[in-house]
Amino acid sequence: MKRLIYGLMIVLASSTLVACAGGSLSTREKGAGIGALGGAAVGGIIGAAVGAPGAGAAIGGALGLGAGALVGDQLQGQENRQAEQQRQIDANQSELDRQRRELERLRKQGEY
C-alpha cells in the first residue's frame, strides 16, 4: 500500500513539474491541480481518522481532481466569453472612432 501511495505521489509531482515546465497553466488546469491537492489533503486527514490515510488521500485526490477540473472549466468558459465580449466592444469603439473622424472631416469641408 505504501508503494502505491509513493507511486501516486511521484506521478502527481512529476505531472505538476511537466505541466509547469510547458508554460502557463490554463484556468481549467489550475482548478484541477488545486482540487487534487485539496482533495488529497482532506482525504488523507479523513483516511487517517479511519486508519487508511493513503487510501483516503488517493480517493480524495481523484475526487478533488475531477471537481477542480469542472470548476476550472466553468471559470475558463466565463473568461473566454468575457474576452470575446471585450473584443466586440473594442471593435465597436474602433468603428465609432472612425465614424467620428469621418464626421469631423465632413464638417470641415462644409458638406454636413
C-alpha atoms as a PDB file:
ATOM      1  CA  MET A   1       0.000   0.000   0.000  1.00  0.00           C
ATOM      2  CA  LYS A   2       2.862   2.358   0.827  1.00  0.00           C
ATOM      3  CA  ARG A   3       4.391   1.718  -2.596  1.00  0.00           C
ATOM      4  CA  LEU A   4       1.117   2.654  -4.227  1.00  0.00           C
ATOM      5  CA  ILE A   5       0.940   5.872  -2.240  1.00  0.00           C
ATOM      6  CA  TYR A   6       4.533   6.772  -3.019  1.00  0.00           C
ATOM      7  CA  GLY A   7       3.938   5.947  -6.657  1.00  0.00           C
ATOM      8  CA  LEU A   8       0.896   8.200  -6.781  1.00  0.00           C
ATOM      9  CA  MET A   9       2.822  10.980  -5.096  1.00  0.00           C
ATOM     10  CA  ILE A  10       5.656  10.653  -7.615  1.00  0.00           C
ATOM     11  CA  VAL A  11       3.232  10.673 -10.534  1.00  0.00           C
ATOM     12  CA  LEU A  12       1.454  13.736  -9.153  1.00  0.00           C
ATOM     13  CA  ALA A  13       4.722  15.578  -8.535  1.00  0.00           C
ATOM     14  CA  SER A  14       6.067  14.618 -11.959  1.00  0.00           C
ATOM     15  CA  SER A  15       2.945  15.725 -13.781  1.00  0.00           C
ATOM     16  CA  THR A  16       2.982  19.005 -11.888  1.00  0.00           C
ATOM     17  CA  LEU A  17       6.574  19.655 -12.894  1.00  0.00           C
ATOM     18  CA  VAL A  18       5.917  18.761 -16.519  1.00  0.00           C
ATOM     19  CA  ALA A  19       2.849  20.976 -16.657  1.00  0.00           C
ATOM     20  CA  CYS A  20       4.708  23.904 -15.114  1.00  0.00           C
ATOM     21  CA  ALA A  21       7.659  23.471 -17.459  1.00  0.00           C
ATOM     22  CA  GLY A  22       5.417  23.631 -20.508  1.00  0.00           C
ATOM     23  CA  GLY A  23       4.324  27.221 -19.905  1.00  0.00           C
ATOM     24  CA  SER A  24       1.481  28.876 -18.107  1.00  0.00           C
ATOM     25  CA  LEU A  25      -1.407  26.759 -16.919  1.00  0.00           C
ATOM     26  CA  SER A  26      -4.960  27.315 -18.078  1.00  0.00           C
ATOM     27  CA  THR A  27      -7.706  28.072 -15.602  1.00  0.00           C
ATOM     28  CA  ARG A  28      -9.006  24.517 -16.020  1.00  0.00           C
ATOM     29  CA  GLU A  29      -5.564  23.064 -15.208  1.00  0.00           C
ATOM     30  CA  LYS A  30      -5.142  25.331 -12.187  1.00  0.00           C
ATOM     31  CA  GLY A  31      -8.556  24.288 -10.889  1.00  0.00           C
ATOM     32  CA  ALA A  32      -7.728  20.616 -11.381  1.00  0.00           C
ATOM     33  CA  GLY A  33      -4.416  20.987  -9.569  1.00  0.00           C
ATOM     34  CA  ILE A  34      -5.887  22.880  -6.646  1.00  0.00           C
ATOM     35  CA  GLY A  35      -8.755  20.403  -6.410  1.00  0.00           C
ATOM     36  CA  ALA A  36      -6.394  17.415  -6.484  1.00  0.00           C
ATOM     37  CA  LEU A  37      -4.139  18.824  -3.780  1.00  0.00           C
ATOM     38  CA  GLY A  38      -7.020  19.929  -1.593  1.00  0.00           C
ATOM     39  CA  GLY A  39      -8.853  16.649  -2.076  1.00  0.00           C
ATOM     40  CA  ALA A  40      -5.735  14.645  -1.267  1.00  0.00           C
ATOM     41  CA  ALA A  41      -5.155  16.667   1.896  1.00  0.00           C
ATOM     42  CA  VAL A  42      -8.734  16.324   3.110  1.00  0.00           C
ATOM     43  CA  GLY A  43      -8.864  12.675   2.058  1.00  0.00           C
ATOM     44  CA  GLY A  44      -5.622  11.997   3.917  1.00  0.00           C
ATOM     45  CA  ILE A  45      -6.974  13.589   7.083  1.00  0.00           C
ATOM     46  CA  ILE A  46     -10.241  11.667   6.867  1.00  0.00           C
ATOM     47  CA  GLY A  47      -8.377   8.487   5.957  1.00  0.00           C
ATOM     48  CA  ALA A  48      -6.064   8.922   8.950  1.00  0.00           C
ATOM     49  CA  ALA A  49      -9.094   9.073  11.201  1.00  0.00           C
ATOM     50  CA  VAL A  50     -10.221   5.641   9.997  1.00  0.00           C
ATOM     51  CA  GLY A  51      -6.728   4.133   9.726  1.00  0.00           C
ATOM     52  CA  ALA A  52      -6.107   4.407   5.974  1.00  0.00           C
ATOM     53  CA  PRO A  53      -4.508   7.777   5.221  1.00  0.00           C
ATOM     54  CA  GLY A  54      -3.016   6.663   1.912  1.00  0.00           C
ATOM     55  CA  ALA A  55      -6.261   5.352   0.529  1.00  0.00           C
ATOM     56  CA  GLY A  56      -8.086   8.447   1.750  1.00  0.00           C
ATOM     57  CA  ALA A  57      -5.531  10.713   0.101  1.00  0.00           C
ATOM     58  CA  ALA A  58      -5.728   8.795  -3.175  1.00  0.00           C
ATOM     59  CA  ILE A  59      -9.518   8.802  -3.250  1.00  0.00           C
ATOM     60  CA  GLY A  60      -9.725  12.429  -2.122  1.00  0.00           C
ATOM     61  CA  GLY A  61      -7.137  13.459  -4.703  1.00  0.00           C
ATOM     62  CA  ALA A  62      -9.034  11.777  -7.513  1.00  0.00           C
ATOM     63  CA  LEU A  63     -12.362  13.297  -6.459  1.00  0.00           C
ATOM     64  CA  GLY A  64     -10.741  16.691  -5.951  1.00  0.00           C
ATOM     65  CA  LEU A  65      -9.124  16.492  -9.380  1.00  0.00           C
ATOM     66  CA  GLY A  66     -12.474  15.902 -11.050  1.00  0.00           C
ATOM     67  CA  ALA A  67     -14.292  18.570  -9.090  1.00  0.00           C
ATOM     68  CA  GLY A  68     -11.486  21.087  -9.563  1.00  0.00           C
ATOM     69  CA  ALA A  69     -11.388  20.432 -13.301  1.00  0.00           C
ATOM     70  CA  LEU A  70     -15.146  21.006 -13.573  1.00  0.00           C
ATOM     71  CA  VAL A  71     -14.969  24.275 -11.658  1.00  0.00           C
ATOM     72  CA  GLY A  72     -11.900  25.367 -13.615  1.00  0.00           C
ATOM     73  CA  ASP A  73     -13.652  24.543 -16.890  1.00  0.00           C
ATOM     74  CA  GLN A  74     -16.614  26.724 -15.942  1.00  0.00           C
ATOM     75  CA  LEU A  75     -14.308  29.598 -14.988  1.00  0.00           C
ATOM     76  CA  GLN A  76     -12.327  29.234 -18.204  1.00  0.00           C
ATOM     77  CA  GLY A  77     -15.539  29.307 -20.233  1.00  0.00           C
ATOM     78  CA  GLN A  78     -16.561  32.502 -18.472  1.00  0.00           C
ATOM     79  CA  GLU A  79     -13.136  34.045 -19.159  1.00  0.00           C
ATOM     80  CA  ASN A  80     -13.455  33.112 -22.844  1.00  0.00           C
ATOM     81  CA  ARG A  81     -16.915  34.721 -23.058  1.00  0.00           C
ATOM     82  CA  GLN A  82     -15.635  37.882 -21.379  1.00  0.00           C
ATOM     83  CA  ALA A  83     -12.663  38.049 -23.745  1.00  0.00           C
ATOM     84  CA  GLU A  84     -14.967  37.721 -26.760  1.00  0.00           C
ATOM     85  CA  GLN A  85     -17.240  40.451 -25.409  1.00  0.00           C
ATOM     86  CA  GLN A  86     -14.216  42.698 -24.885  1.00  0.00           C
ATOM     87  CA  ARG A  87     -13.084  42.090 -28.483  1.00  0.00           C
ATOM     88  CA  GLN A  88     -16.555  43.097 -29.682  1.00  0.00           C
ATOM     89  CA  ILE A  89     -16.525  46.219 -27.513  1.00  0.00           C
ATOM     90  CA  ASP A  90     -13.090  47.167 -28.871  1.00  0.00           C
ATOM     91  CA  ALA A  91     -14.251  46.636 -32.463  1.00  0.00           C
ATOM     92  CA  ASN A  92     -17.339  48.784 -31.847  1.00  0.00           C
ATOM     93  CA  GLN A  93     -15.210  51.507 -30.269  1.00  0.00           C
ATOM     94  CA  SER A  94     -12.865  51.489 -33.269  1.00  0.00           C
ATOM     95  CA  GLU A  95     -15.821  51.867 -35.629  1.00  0.00           C
ATOM     96  CA  LEU A  96     -17.222  54.748 -33.543  1.00  0.00           C
ATOM     97  CA  ASP A  97     -13.846  56.481 -33.620  1.00  0.00           C
ATOM     98  CA  ARG A  98     -13.654  56.033 -37.392  1.00  0.00           C
ATOM     99  CA  GLN A  99     -17.142  57.490 -37.837  1.00  0.00           C
ATOM    100  CA  ARG A 100     -16.307  60.469 -35.577  1.00  0.00           C
ATOM    101  CA  ARG A 101     -13.208  61.219 -37.642  1.00  0.00           C
ATOM    102  CA  GLU A 102     -15.235  60.998 -40.856  1.00  0.00           C
ATOM    103  CA  LEU A 103     -17.901  63.280 -39.417  1.00  0.00           C
ATOM    104  CA  GLU A 104     -15.260  65.838 -38.416  1.00  0.00           C
ATOM    105  CA  ARG A 105     -13.712  65.665 -41.861  1.00  0.00           C
ATOM    106  CA  LEU A 106     -17.104  66.291 -43.472  1.00  0.00           C
ATOM    107  CA  ARG A 107     -17.844  69.218 -41.128  1.00  0.00           C
ATOM    108  CA  LYS A 108     -14.531  70.840 -42.013  1.00  0.00           C
ATOM    109  CA  GLN A 109     -15.334  70.506 -45.709  1.00  0.00           C
ATOM    110  CA  GLY A 110     -18.735  72.049 -45.168  1.00  0.00           C
ATOM    111  CA  GLU A 111     -20.573  69.029 -46.516  1.00  0.00           C
ATOM    112  CA  TYR A 112     -22.533  68.370 -43.357  1.00  0.00           C
END
